[in-house]
Amino acid sequence: MKLFFWQLDQKEKFIRVLWSGLFVLLFLYCVVWYKGFNFTIPIVLTVLYIVDIGFRYRKIKRSKVHL
């Protein structure tokens, strides 16, 4: 079992970013909603997360690794 991110191959990095990013964004939105802060930062981070997922998916497809 690989614990560190840099030890993972592209497919494993994609899977880890996919599920861990969702938990982090959910936590961030809950904190912002609970504390009553502005939602600008979470929205920007959500867009960046979606772009990152897209780039990682394209990288996997280019390297011919099947999900």
PDB file of N, CA and C in Angstrom:
ATOM      1  N   MET A   1       0.844  -1.177   0.000  1.00  0.00           N
ATOM      2  CA  MET A   1       0.000   0.000   0.000  1.00  0.00           C
ATOM      3  C   MET A   1       0.891   1.243   0.000  1.00  0.00           C
ATOM      4  N   LYS A   2       0.615   2.126  -0.911  1.00  0.00           N
ATOM      5  CA  LYS A   2       1.406   3.348  -1.034  1.00  0.00           C
ATOM      6  C   LYS A   2       0.687   4.485  -0.306  1.00  0.00           C
ATOM      7  N   LEU A   3       1.363   5.107   0.631  1.00  0.00           N
ATOM      8  CA  LEU A   3       0.743   6.168   1.410  1.00  0.00           C
ATOM      9  C   LEU A   3       1.017   7.554   0.852  1.00  0.00           C
ATOM     10  N   PHE A   4       2.159   7.723   0.216  1.00  0.00           N
ATOM     11  CA  PHE A   4       2.556   9.040  -0.245  1.00  0.00           C
ATOM     12  C   PHE A   4       2.127   9.256  -1.691  1.00  0.00           C
ATOM     13  N   PHE A   5       1.703  10.478  -1.969  1.00  0.00           N
ATOM     14  CA  PHE A   5       1.142  10.810  -3.274  1.00  0.00           C
ATOM     15  C   PHE A   5       2.146  10.623  -4.401  1.00  0.00           C
ATOM     16  N   TRP A   6       3.405  10.957  -4.172  1.00  0.00           N
ATOM     17  CA  TRP A   6       4.402  10.882  -5.231  1.00  0.00           C
ATOM     18  C   TRP A   6       4.776   9.445  -5.585  1.00  0.00           C
ATOM     19  N   GLN A   7       4.391   8.473  -4.782  1.00  0.00           N
ATOM     20  CA  GLN A   7       4.685   7.072  -5.080  1.00  0.00           C
ATOM     21  C   GLN A   7       3.627   6.443  -5.983  1.00  0.00           C
ATOM     22  N   LEU A   8       2.525   7.132  -6.212  1.00  0.00           N
ATOM     23  CA  LEU A   8       1.410   6.568  -6.970  1.00  0.00           C
ATOM     24  C   LEU A   8       1.623   6.746  -8.469  1.00  0.00           C
ATOM     25  N   ASP A   9       1.036   5.835  -9.259  1.00  0.00           N
ATOM     26  CA  ASP A   9       1.042   6.036 -10.703  1.00  0.00           C
ATOM     27  C   ASP A   9      -0.138   6.953 -11.060  1.00  0.00           C
ATOM     28  N   GLN A  10      -0.295   7.263 -12.349  1.00  0.00           N
ATOM     29  CA  GLN A  10      -1.297   8.245 -12.767  1.00  0.00           C
ATOM     30  C   GLN A  10      -2.729   7.826 -12.432  1.00  0.00           C
ATOM     31  N   LYS A  11      -3.039   6.565 -12.612  1.00  0.00           N
ATOM     32  CA  LYS A  11      -4.386   6.084 -12.318  1.00  0.00           C
ATOM     33  C   LYS A  11      -4.693   6.189 -10.828  1.00  0.00           C
ATOM     34  N   GLU A  12      -3.747   5.808  -9.989  1.00  0.00           N
ATOM     35  CA  GLU A  12      -3.950   5.879  -8.546  1.00  0.00           C
ATOM     36  C   GLU A  12      -4.041   7.327  -8.062  1.00  0.00           C
ATOM     37  N   LYS A  13      -3.258   8.228  -8.672  1.00  0.00           N
ATOM     38  CA  LYS A  13      -3.350   9.644  -8.321  1.00  0.00           C
ATOM     39  C   LYS A  13      -4.730  10.190  -8.668  1.00  0.00           C
ATOM     40  N   PHE A  14      -5.239   9.815  -9.842  1.00  0.00           N
ATOM     41  CA  PHE A  14      -6.555  10.273 -10.257  1.00  0.00           C
ATOM     42  C   PHE A  14      -7.625   9.821  -9.265  1.00  0.00           C
ATOM     43  N   ILE A  15      -7.580   8.566  -8.875  1.00  0.00           N
ATOM     44  CA  ILE A  15      -8.578   8.030  -7.946  1.00  0.00           C
ATOM     45  C   ILE A  15      -8.474   8.705  -6.587  1.00  0.00           C
ATOM     46  N   ARG A  16      -7.256   8.910  -6.099  1.00  0.00           N
ATOM     47  CA  ARG A  16      -7.090   9.551  -4.785  1.00  0.00           C
ATOM     48  C   ARG A  16      -7.556  10.997  -4.811  1.00  0.00           C
ATOM     49  N   VAL A  17      -7.230  11.729  -5.870  1.00  0.00           N
ATOM     50  CA  VAL A  17      -7.677  13.121  -5.967  1.00  0.00           C
ATOM     51  C   VAL A  17      -9.191  13.185  -6.093  1.00  0.00           C
ATOM     52  N   LEU A  18      -9.769  12.234  -6.797  1.00  0.00           N
ATOM     53  CA  LEU A  18     -11.210  12.233  -7.005  1.00  0.00           C
ATOM     54  C   LEU A  18     -11.973  12.099  -5.692  1.00  0.00           C
ATOM     55  N   TRP A  19     -11.645  11.102  -4.883  1.00  0.00           N
ATOM     56  CA  TRP A  19     -12.432  10.915  -3.656  1.00  0.00           C
ATOM     57  C   TRP A  19     -12.002  11.846  -2.531  1.00  0.00           C
ATOM     58  N   SER A  20     -10.709  12.121  -2.396  1.00  0.00           N
ATOM     59  CA  SER A  20     -10.287  12.989  -1.291  1.00  0.00           C
ATOM     60  C   SER A  20     -10.676  14.442  -1.543  1.00  0.00           C
ATOM     61  N   GLY A  21     -10.643  14.866  -2.796  1.00  0.00           N
ATOM     62  CA  GLY A  21     -11.045  16.234  -3.127  1.00  0.00           C
ATOM     63  C   GLY A  21     -12.502  16.499  -2.830  1.00  0.00           C
ATOM     64  N   LEU A  22     -13.340  15.493  -3.070  1.00  0.00           N
ATOM     65  CA  LEU A  22     -14.758  15.653  -2.763  1.00  0.00           C
ATOM     66  C   LEU A  22     -14.991  15.841  -1.264  1.00  0.00           C
ATOM     67  N   PHE A  23     -14.280  15.084  -0.443  1.00  0.00           N
ATOM     68  CA  PHE A  23     -14.415  15.237   1.007  1.00  0.00           C
ATOM     69  C   PHE A  23     -13.915  16.606   1.469  1.00  0.00           C
ATOM     70  N   VAL A  24     -12.827  17.058   0.910  1.00  0.00           N
ATOM     71  CA  VAL A  24     -12.275  18.360   1.301  1.00  0.00           C
ATOM     72  C   VAL A  24     -13.229  19.481   0.901  1.00  0.00           C
ATOM     73  N   LEU A  25     -13.771  19.418  -0.311  1.00  0.00           N
ATOM     74  CA  LEU A  25     -14.708  20.451  -0.744  1.00  0.00           C
ATOM     75  C   LEU A  25     -15.986  20.430   0.083  1.00  0.00           C
ATOM     76  N   LEU A  26     -16.472  19.256   0.401  1.00  0.00           N
ATOM     77  CA  LEU A  26     -17.661  19.150   1.243  1.00  0.00           C
ATOM     78  C   LEU A  26     -17.405  19.773   2.617  1.00  0.00           C
ATOM     79  N   PHE A  27     -16.266  19.468   3.194  1.00  0.00           N
ATOM     80  CA  PHE A  27     -15.898  20.050   4.486  1.00  0.00           C
ATOM     81  C   PHE A  27     -15.783  21.573   4.390  1.00  0.00           C
ATOM     82  N   LEU A  28     -15.155  22.061   3.322  1.00  0.00           N
ATOM     83  CA  LEU A  28     -14.986  23.507   3.141  1.00  0.00           C
ATOM     84  C   LEU A  28     -16.330  24.206   3.014  1.00  0.00           C
ATOM     85  N   TYR A  29     -17.231  23.638   2.211  1.00  0.00           N
ATOM     86  CA  TYR A  29     -18.551  24.240   2.068  1.00  0.00           C
ATOM     87  C   TYR A  29     -19.323  24.225   3.385  1.00  0.00           C
ATOM     88  N   CYS A  30     -19.200  23.158   4.159  1.00  0.00           N
ATOM     89  CA  CYS A  30     -19.879  23.091   5.465  1.00  0.00           C
ATOM     90  C   CYS A  30     -19.350  24.154   6.418  1.00  0.00           C
ATOM     91  N   VAL A  31     -18.053  24.338   6.459  1.00  0.00           N
ATOM     92  CA  VAL A  31     -17.462  25.349   7.343  1.00  0.00           C
ATOM     93  C   VAL A  31     -17.889  26.746   6.915  1.00  0.00           C
ATOM     94  N   VAL A  32     -17.850  27.021   5.623  1.00  0.00           N
ATOM     95  CA  VAL A  32     -18.221  28.352   5.132  1.00  0.00           C
ATOM     96  C   VAL A  32     -19.695  28.621   5.410  1.00  0.00           C
ATOM     97  N   TRP A  33     -20.539  27.623   5.201  1.00  0.00           N
ATOM     98  CA  TRP A  33     -21.968  27.805   5.435  1.00  0.00           C
ATOM     99  C   TRP A  33     -22.254  28.000   6.931  1.00  0.00           C
ATOM    100  N   TYR A  34     -21.588  27.207   7.758  1.00  0.00           N
ATOM    101  CA  TYR A  34     -21.811  27.281   9.205  1.00  0.00           C
ATOM    102  C   TYR A  34     -21.334  28.618   9.786  1.00  0.00           C
ATOM    103  N   LYS A  35     -20.184  29.076   9.329  1.00  0.00           N
ATOM    104  CA  LYS A  35     -19.612  30.317   9.857  1.00  0.00           C
ATOM    105  C   LYS A  35     -20.188  31.562   9.188  1.00  0.00           C
ATOM    106  N   GLY A  36     -20.869  31.392   8.045  1.00  0.00           N
ATOM    107  CA  GLY A  36     -21.475  32.536   7.370  1.00  0.00           C
ATOM    108  C   GLY A  36     -20.504  33.359   6.552  1.00  0.00           C
ATOM    109  N   PHE A  37     -19.421  32.743   6.097  1.00  0.00           N
ATOM    110  CA  PHE A  37     -18.450  33.460   5.275  1.00  0.00           C
ATOM    111  C   PHE A  37     -18.936  33.575   3.835  1.00  0.00           C
ATOM    112  N   ASN A  38     -18.173  34.285   3.040  1.00  0.00           N
ATOM    113  CA  ASN A  38     -18.456  34.457   1.622  1.00  0.00           C
ATOM    114  C   ASN A  38     -18.101  33.165   0.866  1.00  0.00           C
ATOM    115  N   PHE A  39     -18.887  32.799  -0.121  1.00  0.00           N
ATOM    116  CA  PHE A  39     -18.680  31.553  -0.858  1.00  0.00           C
ATOM    117  C   PHE A  39     -17.736  31.714  -2.054  1.00  0.00           C
ATOM    118  N   THR A  40     -17.039  32.819  -2.178  1.00  0.00           N
ATOM    119  CA  THR A  40     -16.167  33.044  -3.327  1.00  0.00           C
ATOM    120  C   THR A  40     -15.008  32.054  -3.368  1.00  0.00           C
ATOM    121  N   ILE A  41     -14.322  31.866  -2.282  1.00  0.00           N
ATOM    122  CA  ILE A  41     -13.163  30.964  -2.231  1.00  0.00           C
ATOM    123  C   ILE A  41     -13.567  29.517  -2.516  1.00  0.00           C
ATOM    124  N   PRO A  42     -14.627  28.986  -1.893  1.00  0.00           N
ATOM    125  CA  PRO A  42     -15.007  27.610  -2.225  1.00  0.00           C
ATOM    126  C   PRO A  42     -15.407  27.415  -3.692  1.00  0.00           C
ATOM    127  N   ILE A  43     -16.047  28.411  -4.283  1.00  0.00           N
ATOM    128  CA  ILE A  43     -16.428  28.289  -5.689  1.00  0.00           C
ATOM    129  C   ILE A  43     -15.189  28.266  -6.576  1.00  0.00           C
ATOM    130  N   VAL A  44     -14.228  29.122  -6.287  1.00  0.00           N
ATOM    131  CA  VAL A  44     -12.979  29.138  -7.064  1.00  0.00           C
ATOM    132  C   VAL A  44     -12.242  27.806  -6.901  1.00  0.00           C
ATOM    133  N   LEU A  45     -12.178  27.285  -5.684  1.00  0.00           N
ATOM    134  CA  LEU A  45     -11.508  26.003  -5.460  1.00  0.00           C
ATOM    135  C   LEU A  45     -12.246  24.852  -6.134  1.00  0.00           C
ATOM    136  N   THR A  46     -13.570  24.927  -6.216  1.00  0.00           N
ATOM    137  CA  THR A  46     -14.332  23.902  -6.923  1.00  0.00           C
ATOM    138  C   THR A  46     -14.020  23.915  -8.409  1.00  0.00           C
ATOM    139  N   VAL A  47     -13.934  25.092  -8.993  1.00  0.00           N
ATOM    140  CA  VAL A  47     -13.583  25.196 -10.415  1.00  0.00           C
ATOM    141  C   VAL A  47     -12.169  24.655 -10.660  1.00  0.00           C
ATOM    142  N   LEU A  48     -11.230  25.016  -9.789  1.00  0.00           N
ATOM    143  CA  LEU A  48      -9.866  24.509  -9.927  1.00  0.00           C
ATOM    144  C   LEU A  48      -9.812  22.992  -9.769  1.00  0.00           C
ATOM    145  N   TYR A  49     -10.626  22.449  -8.871  1.00  0.00           N
ATOM    146  CA  TYR A  49     -10.700  20.997  -8.669  1.00  0.00           C
ATOM    147  C   TYR A  49     -11.213  20.303  -9.935  1.00  0.00           C
ATOM    148  N   ILE A  50     -12.242  20.857 -10.542  1.00  0.00           N
ATOM    149  CA  ILE A  50     -12.800  20.261 -11.758  1.00  0.00           C
ATOM    150  C   ILE A  50     -11.786  20.317 -12.897  1.00  0.00           C
ATOM    151  N   VAL A  51     -11.075  21.427 -13.014  1.00  0.00           N
ATOM    152  CA  VAL A  51     -10.038  21.545 -14.054  1.00  0.00           C
ATOM    153  C   VAL A  51      -8.921  20.539 -13.801  1.00  0.00           C
ATOM    154  N   ASP A  52      -8.512  20.379 -12.547  1.00  0.00           N
ATOM    155  CA  ASP A  52      -7.463  19.420 -12.200  1.00  0.00           C
ATOM    156  C   ASP A  52      -7.895  17.992 -12.523  1.00  0.00           C
ATOM    157  N   ILE A  53      -9.133  17.647 -12.206  1.00  0.00           N
ATOM    158  CA  ILE A  53      -9.648  16.313 -12.530  1.00  0.00           C
ATOM    159  C   ILE A  53      -9.626  16.101 -14.039  1.00  0.00           C
ATOM    160  N   GLY A  54     -10.006  17.116 -14.795  1.00  0.00           N
ATOM    161  CA  GLY A  54      -9.986  17.009 -16.255  1.00  0.00           C
ATOM    162  C   GLY A  54      -8.584  16.771 -16.802  1.00  0.00           C
ATOM    163  N   PHE A  55      -7.608  17.515 -16.296  1.00  0.00           N
ATOM    164  CA  PHE A  55      -6.232  17.335 -16.752  1.00  0.00           C
ATOM    165  C   PHE A  55      -5.688  15.957 -16.375  1.00  0.00           C
ATOM    166  N   ARG A  56      -5.993  15.504 -15.182  1.00  0.00           N
ATOM    167  CA  ARG A  56      -5.530  14.171 -14.771  1.00  0.00           C
ATOM    168  C   ARG A  56      -6.176  13.073 -15.615  1.00  0.00           C
ATOM    169  N   TYR A  57      -7.449  13.235 -15.935  1.00  0.00           N
ATOM    170  CA  TYR A  57      -8.142  12.246 -16.766  1.00  0.00           C
ATOM    171  C   TYR A  57      -7.534  12.207 -18.169  1.00  0.00           C
ATOM    172  N   ARG A  58      -7.265  13.372 -18.738  1.00  0.00           N
ATOM    173  CA  ARG A  58      -6.642  13.421 -20.071  1.00  0.00           C
ATOM    174  C   ARG A  58      -5.248  12.809 -20.052  1.00  0.00           C
ATOM    175  N   LYS A  59      -4.505  13.015 -18.986  1.00  0.00           N
ATOM    176  CA  LYS A  59      -3.166  12.429 -18.857  1.00  0.00           C
ATOM    177  C   LYS A  59      -3.241  10.907 -18.817  1.00  0.00           C
ATOM    178  N   ILE A  60      -4.241  10.384 -18.119  1.00  0.00           N
ATOM    179  CA  ILE A  60      -4.426   8.931 -18.069  1.00  0.00           C
ATOM    180  C   ILE A  60      -4.772   8.394 -19.449  1.00  0.00           C
ATOM    181  N   LYS A  61      -5.669   9.082 -20.143  1.00  0.00           N
ATOM    182  CA  LYS A  61      -6.099   8.627 -21.466  1.00  0.00           C
ATOM    183  C   LYS A  61      -4.931   8.663 -22.459  1.00  0.00           C
ATOM    184  N   ARG A  62      -4.066   9.640 -22.346  1.00  0.00           N
ATOM    185  CA  ARG A  62      -2.902   9.732 -23.236  1.00  0.00           C
ATOM    186  C   ARG A  62      -1.920   8.585 -22.990  1.00  0.00           C
ATOM    187  N   SER A  63      -1.806   8.160 -21.735  1.00  0.00           N
ATOM    188  CA  SER A  63      -0.844   7.106 -21.416  1.00  0.00           C
ATOM    189  C   SER A  63      -1.436   5.716 -21.606  1.00  0.00           C
ATOM    190  N   LYS A  64      -2.664   5.633 -22.094  1.00  0.00           N
ATOM    191  CA  LYS A  64      -3.316   4.360 -22.422  1.00  0.00           C
ATOM    192  C   LYS A  64      -3.574   3.474 -21.213  1.00  0.00           C
ATOM    193  N   VAL A  65      -3.765   4.064 -20.045  1.00  0.00           N
ATOM    194  CA  VAL A  65      -4.114   3.304 -18.856  1.00  0.00           C
ATOM    195  C   VAL A  65      -5.622   3.305 -18.748  1.00  0.00           C
ATOM    196  N   HIS A  66      -6.227   2.146 -18.633  1.00  0.00           N
ATOM    197  CA  HIS A  66      -7.687   2.050 -18.567  1.00  0.00           C
ATOM    198  C   HIS A  66      -8.162   2.142 -17.139  1.00  0.00           C
ATOM    199  N   LEU A  67      -9.254   2.883 -16.968  1.00  0.00           N
ATOM    200  CA  LEU A  67      -9.821   3.030 -15.616  1.00  0.00           C
ATOM    201  C   LEU A  67     -10.624   1.852 -15.262  1.00  0.00           C
TER     202      LEU A  67
END
